[in-house]
């Protein structure tokens, strides 16, 4: 059974609909005491990093997510949910994250280019991936749908399993043992996104 963490900061319906298309039953879970009962967990997210961490703390989901990952079971962060896995973010001031992946979340550097980058980075873009079960059956470079103004920087290069280019290369997928994340929205990325979710189901 797969849980989608409900902390009032994610497009839960569209994520759930994507799993429905794959024939996989998922539960939108708001009770932190029940999270440990699931086989896999999805941490979605839309909005600001600081607000998301505050919502997680208020619901007791921050500790529940940490404890879940210590069990060795698989967790997948999506978009802001991926960013929350890191130590900190500079969005609207420094905010501490879940600390499950070493690194930080920073703003796109818009000043080093003749034509300034438009932020947010929004639309279809390629993700170049390393060999990982999450990308089984996908080309090494495949298009996915992005919407974000900040991006992750991994302390350890080995934790970065996917990169995209928007002005410069940035990490767009991560994995460390049982903790994984992707910056693009798989639920908005048609076949490629559904393939990623299917691979997560099959882990």
Protein backbone atom coordinates (compact mmCIF):
# COMPACT_ATOMS: atom_id res chain seq x y z
CA UNK A 1 0.00 0.00 0.00
CA UNK A 2 1.25 3.49 -0.91
CA UNK A 3 0.53 6.65 1.06
CA UNK A 4 0.51 10.21 -0.28
CA UNK A 5 1.41 12.53 2.60
CA UNK A 6 -1.33 15.11 3.18
CA UNK A 7 0.01 18.24 4.85
CA UNK A 8 -2.07 20.80 2.95
CA UNK A 9 0.76 21.75 0.57
CA UNK A 10 0.44 19.55 -2.50
CA UNK A 11 -1.66 18.84 -5.56
CA UNK A 12 -2.81 15.57 -4.04
CA UNK A 13 -5.67 14.87 -6.46
CA UNK A 14 -3.50 14.91 -9.59
CA UNK A 15 -0.86 12.69 -7.98
CA UNK A 16 -3.52 10.24 -6.84
CA UNK A 17 -5.11 10.29 -10.31
CA UNK A 18 -1.77 9.31 -11.86
CA UNK A 19 -1.59 6.23 -9.63
CA UNK A 20 -5.24 5.46 -10.43
CA UNK A 21 -4.29 5.40 -14.12
CA UNK A 22 -1.65 2.82 -13.28
CA UNK A 23 -4.20 0.71 -11.40
CA UNK A 24 -2.43 1.23 -8.09
CA UNK A 25 -4.46 1.96 -4.97
CA UNK A 26 -3.05 4.81 -2.89
CA UNK A 27 -4.24 6.45 0.30
CA UNK A 28 -4.04 10.18 1.01
CA UNK A 29 -2.79 10.03 4.60
CA UNK A 30 -2.93 12.91 7.11
CA UNK A 31 -2.32 10.89 10.29
CA UNK A 32 1.41 10.77 11.14
CA UNK A 33 0.86 7.80 13.45
CA UNK A 34 -0.25 5.67 10.50
CA UNK A 35 2.59 6.48 8.11
CA UNK A 36 4.76 3.57 9.29
CA UNK A 37 2.09 1.08 8.21
CA UNK A 38 2.58 1.76 4.47
CA UNK A 39 4.92 -0.02 2.07
CA UNK A 40 5.89 3.15 0.22
CA UNK A 41 5.32 6.88 0.70
CA UNK A 42 5.00 9.83 -1.68
CA UNK A 43 5.84 13.32 -0.38
CA UNK A 44 4.33 15.84 -2.84
CA UNK A 45 4.55 19.61 -2.60
CA UNK A 46 3.53 22.85 -4.25
CA UNK A 47 4.35 26.27 -2.81
CA UNK A 48 7.05 27.76 -0.58
CA UNK A 49 9.62 25.69 1.32
CA UNK A 50 9.15 27.47 4.65
CA UNK A 51 5.37 27.15 4.58
CA UNK A 52 5.66 23.47 3.73
CA UNK A 53 8.02 22.75 6.63
CA UNK A 54 5.72 24.62 8.99
CA UNK A 55 2.72 22.56 7.84
CA UNK A 56 4.71 19.35 8.26
CA UNK A 57 5.74 20.34 11.79
CA UNK A 58 2.23 21.40 12.79
CA UNK A 59 0.86 18.00 11.76
CA UNK A 60 3.74 16.01 13.20
CA UNK A 61 4.56 14.76 9.73
CA UNK A 62 8.17 15.93 9.77
CA UNK A 63 9.19 13.39 12.40
CA UNK A 64 6.86 10.77 10.94
CA UNK A 65 8.57 11.06 7.54
CA UNK A 66 12.03 10.89 9.12
CA UNK A 67 11.11 7.82 11.14
CA UNK A 68 9.56 6.20 8.08
CA UNK A 69 12.75 6.52 6.07
CA UNK A 70 14.77 5.01 8.93
CA UNK A 71 12.72 1.83 8.46
CA UNK A 72 14.38 1.33 5.07
CA UNK A 73 11.11 1.54 3.13
CA UNK A 74 10.96 3.67 -0.02
CA UNK A 75 10.02 7.34 -0.09
CA UNK A 76 9.69 9.54 -3.19
CA UNK A 77 9.60 13.34 -2.98
CA UNK A 78 7.99 15.20 -5.88
CA UNK A 79 8.83 18.84 -6.81
CA UNK A 80 8.78 20.81 -3.53
CA UNK A 81 8.55 17.43 -1.80
CA UNK A 82 11.99 16.60 -3.22
CA UNK A 83 13.43 19.91 -1.99
CA UNK A 84 12.09 19.29 1.53
CA UNK A 85 14.34 16.22 1.78
CA UNK A 86 17.43 18.45 1.92
CA UNK A 87 19.12 20.09 4.90
CA UNK A 88 17.97 23.63 4.14
CA UNK A 89 16.57 26.13 1.64
CA UNK A 90 17.35 29.80 1.08
CA UNK A 91 13.81 30.54 -0.15
CA UNK A 92 12.53 33.61 1.77
CA UNK A 93 15.38 33.26 4.26
CA UNK A 94 17.19 30.18 5.51
CA UNK A 95 14.83 27.36 6.52
CA UNK A 96 15.82 23.94 7.83
CA UNK A 97 14.51 20.95 5.87
CA UNK A 98 14.02 17.30 6.75
CA UNK A 99 17.75 16.59 6.56
CA UNK A 100 17.42 13.28 4.73
CA UNK A 101 19.69 14.29 1.84
CA UNK A 102 22.85 16.30 2.47
CA UNK A 103 22.73 19.58 0.56
CA UNK A 104 20.71 22.73 0.14
CA UNK A 105 18.10 24.39 -2.07
CA UNK A 106 19.04 27.65 -3.80
CA UNK A 107 17.51 30.13 -6.23
CA UNK A 108 18.28 29.97 -9.92
CA UNK A 109 21.18 32.30 -10.73
CA UNK A 110 19.59 34.74 -13.17
CA UNK A 111 22.43 37.27 -13.45
CA UNK A 112 25.20 35.46 -15.35
CA UNK A 113 23.52 35.34 -18.75
CA UNK A 114 23.13 37.83 -21.59
CA UNK A 115 19.43 37.06 -21.56
CA UNK A 116 18.34 36.72 -17.91
CA UNK A 117 16.67 33.45 -17.04
CA UNK A 118 12.93 33.63 -16.68
CA UNK A 119 11.87 32.28 -13.31
CA UNK A 120 10.03 30.09 -12.57
CA UNK A 121 11.52 27.45 -14.82
CA UNK A 122 8.28 26.21 -16.30
CA UNK A 123 7.46 23.77 -19.08
CA UNK A 124 8.94 20.70 -20.72
CA UNK A 125 12.63 20.03 -20.29
CA UNK A 126 14.95 17.07 -20.59
CA UNK A 127 16.29 15.16 -17.63
CA UNK A 128 19.55 13.30 -18.18
CA UNK A 129 19.68 10.36 -15.80
CA UNK A 130 22.12 7.90 -14.34
CA UNK A 131 21.27 4.21 -14.28
CA UNK A 132 18.73 3.75 -11.49
CA UNK A 133 15.64 1.53 -11.03
CA UNK A 134 13.46 4.67 -10.96
CA UNK A 135 14.26 5.23 -14.65
CA UNK A 136 14.01 1.67 -15.92
CA UNK A 137 12.76 1.57 -19.52
CA UNK A 138 13.35 5.29 -20.11
CA UNK A 139 15.92 6.85 -22.42
CA UNK A 140 18.96 8.38 -20.72
CA UNK A 141 17.50 11.79 -21.60
CA UNK A 142 13.74 12.18 -21.48
CA UNK A 143 11.30 15.09 -21.31
CA UNK A 144 9.34 15.88 -18.16
CA UNK A 145 7.27 18.85 -16.98
CA UNK A 146 8.84 21.37 -14.57
CA UNK A 147 7.53 24.27 -12.48
CA UNK A 148 10.00 25.67 -9.93
CA UNK A 149 12.06 28.72 -8.99
CA UNK A 150 14.62 27.01 -6.75
CA UNK A 151 16.79 23.96 -7.30
CA UNK A 152 18.74 21.49 -5.20
CA UNK A 153 22.51 21.26 -4.77
CA UNK A 154 23.74 17.91 -3.42
CA UNK A 155 26.70 17.82 -1.06
CA UNK A 156 27.60 14.40 -2.46
CA UNK A 157 27.57 14.07 -6.24
CA UNK A 158 26.57 10.42 -5.92
CA UNK A 159 23.17 11.49 -4.56
CA UNK A 160 22.36 13.26 -7.84
CA UNK A 161 20.89 10.74 -10.29
CA UNK A 162 19.36 13.19 -12.78
CA UNK A 163 20.30 16.56 -14.23
CA UNK A 164 18.56 19.14 -16.38
CA UNK A 165 19.76 22.33 -18.04
CA UNK A 166 18.13 25.70 -17.55
CA UNK A 167 20.87 28.25 -18.18
CA UNK A 168 23.19 25.77 -16.48
CA UNK A 169 23.08 22.21 -15.21
CA UNK A 170 21.19 21.55 -12.02
CA UNK A 171 20.16 18.45 -10.10
CA UNK A 172 16.64 17.34 -10.99
CA UNK A 173 16.56 13.85 -9.44
CA UNK A 174 18.14 12.43 -6.29
CA UNK A 175 18.54 9.12 -4.52
CA UNK A 176 20.27 8.01 -1.35
CA UNK A 177 19.49 4.44 -0.37
CA UNK A 178 15.68 4.30 0.09
CA UNK A 179 15.11 8.07 -0.20
CA UNK A 180 14.44 9.42 -3.69
CA UNK A 181 13.12 12.59 -5.27
CA UNK A 182 12.39 14.20 -8.61
CA UNK A 183 12.02 17.92 -9.30
CA UNK A 184 9.59 17.64 -12.28
CA UNK A 185 5.96 16.64 -11.90
CA UNK A 186 5.51 13.02 -13.06
CA UNK A 187 1.73 13.38 -12.81
CA UNK A 188 1.92 16.13 -15.48
CA UNK A 189 4.53 14.42 -17.64
CA UNK A 190 2.38 11.94 -19.56
CA UNK A 191 3.97 8.60 -20.42
CA UNK A 192 7.46 9.34 -19.10
CA UNK A 193 6.10 10.50 -15.76
CA UNK A 194 3.81 7.51 -15.44
CA UNK A 195 6.74 5.21 -16.19
CA UNK A 196 8.68 6.74 -13.28
CA UNK A 197 5.74 6.23 -10.94
CA UNK A 198 5.32 2.67 -12.19
CA UNK A 199 8.98 1.98 -11.50
CA UNK A 200 8.55 3.37 -7.99
CA UNK A 201 5.60 1.04 -7.45
CA UNK A 202 7.74 -1.90 -8.56
CA UNK A 203 10.74 -1.17 -6.32
